[in-house]
Amino acid sequence: MKILPAISESSSVFSYNRFGVAGSDKPKVSQDGLNIVNTLREALTSEGFEPPFLLVGHSLGGLYAN
């Protein structure tokens, strides 16, 4: 979180917590890999982001970023 302001000076940044993580909304569907990836795709699209993306994940999020 500390580096987001500096990165956002030269690039578009989208940061979020997956459903059920760190106080975010509780998930309404199972949180398998496919649902998590689809939720991220929907969120990026709804915010107007278009590929290509550089995904950076922390911990388990790194697996989903792959």
Protein backbone atom coordinates (compact mmCIF):
# COMPACT_ATOMS: atom_id res chain seq x y z
CA MET A 1 0.00 0.00 0.00
CA LYS A 2 2.87 2.36 0.69
CA ILE A 3 4.11 2.34 -2.92
CA LEU A 4 0.72 2.88 -4.61
CA PRO A 5 0.87 6.71 -4.54
CA ALA A 6 4.30 6.74 -6.21
CA ILE A 7 3.30 4.18 -8.84
CA SER A 8 0.08 6.05 -9.62
CA GLU A 9 2.10 9.11 -10.66
CA SER A 10 3.23 7.31 -13.82
CA SER A 11 0.67 4.51 -14.30
CA SER A 12 -2.96 3.66 -13.73
CA VAL A 13 -3.39 1.66 -10.52
CA PHE A 14 -6.25 -0.57 -9.39
CA SER A 15 -5.96 -2.06 -5.92
CA TYR A 16 -8.58 -4.17 -4.18
CA ASN A 17 -9.18 -6.92 -1.64
CA ARG A 18 -10.88 -10.12 -2.73
CA PHE A 19 -14.33 -10.82 -1.30
CA GLY A 20 -14.07 -11.84 2.34
CA VAL A 21 -10.54 -10.45 2.80
CA ALA A 22 -9.60 -7.54 5.09
CA GLY A 23 -13.12 -6.29 5.75
CA SER A 24 -14.37 -6.53 2.15
CA ASP A 25 -17.88 -7.81 1.41
CA LYS A 26 -18.54 -11.45 2.15
CA PRO A 27 -18.59 -13.63 -0.97
CA LYS A 28 -21.94 -14.74 -2.40
CA VAL A 29 -20.41 -17.61 -4.42
CA SER A 30 -17.63 -20.08 -3.71
CA GLN A 31 -14.19 -18.52 -3.84
CA ASP A 32 -12.49 -20.92 -6.19
CA GLY A 33 -9.84 -19.72 -8.60
CA LEU A 34 -12.21 -19.29 -11.54
CA ASN A 35 -14.64 -17.10 -9.58
CA ILE A 36 -11.83 -14.99 -8.15
CA VAL A 37 -10.31 -14.38 -11.60
CA ASN A 38 -13.71 -13.61 -13.13
CA THR A 39 -14.50 -11.16 -10.32
CA LEU A 40 -11.23 -9.33 -10.96
CA ARG A 41 -11.93 -9.19 -14.70
CA GLU A 42 -15.41 -7.78 -14.04
CA ALA A 43 -14.04 -5.19 -11.60
CA LEU A 44 -11.35 -4.03 -14.03
CA THR A 45 -13.87 -3.77 -16.87
CA SER A 46 -16.42 -1.89 -14.76
CA GLU A 47 -13.73 0.65 -13.83
CA GLY A 48 -12.76 1.16 -17.48
CA PHE A 49 -9.41 -0.64 -17.48
CA GLU A 50 -8.39 -2.46 -20.66
CA PRO A 51 -5.60 -4.99 -21.28
CA PRO A 52 -2.72 -5.37 -21.23
CA PHE A 53 -2.37 -5.50 -17.45
CA LEU A 54 0.58 -5.88 -15.13
CA LEU A 55 -0.82 -7.90 -12.23
CA VAL A 56 0.97 -7.90 -8.89
CA GLY A 57 -0.44 -10.21 -6.23
CA HIS A 58 0.48 -10.65 -2.59
CA SER A 59 0.59 -14.12 -1.07
CA LEU A 60 -2.22 -16.25 -2.53
CA GLY A 61 -3.08 -13.34 -4.82
CA GLY A 62 0.19 -14.04 -6.64
CA LEU A 63 -1.17 -17.43 -7.66
CA TYR A 64 -4.37 -15.84 -8.97
CA ALA A 65 -2.33 -13.20 -10.82
CA ASN A 66 -0.58 -16.00 -12.70
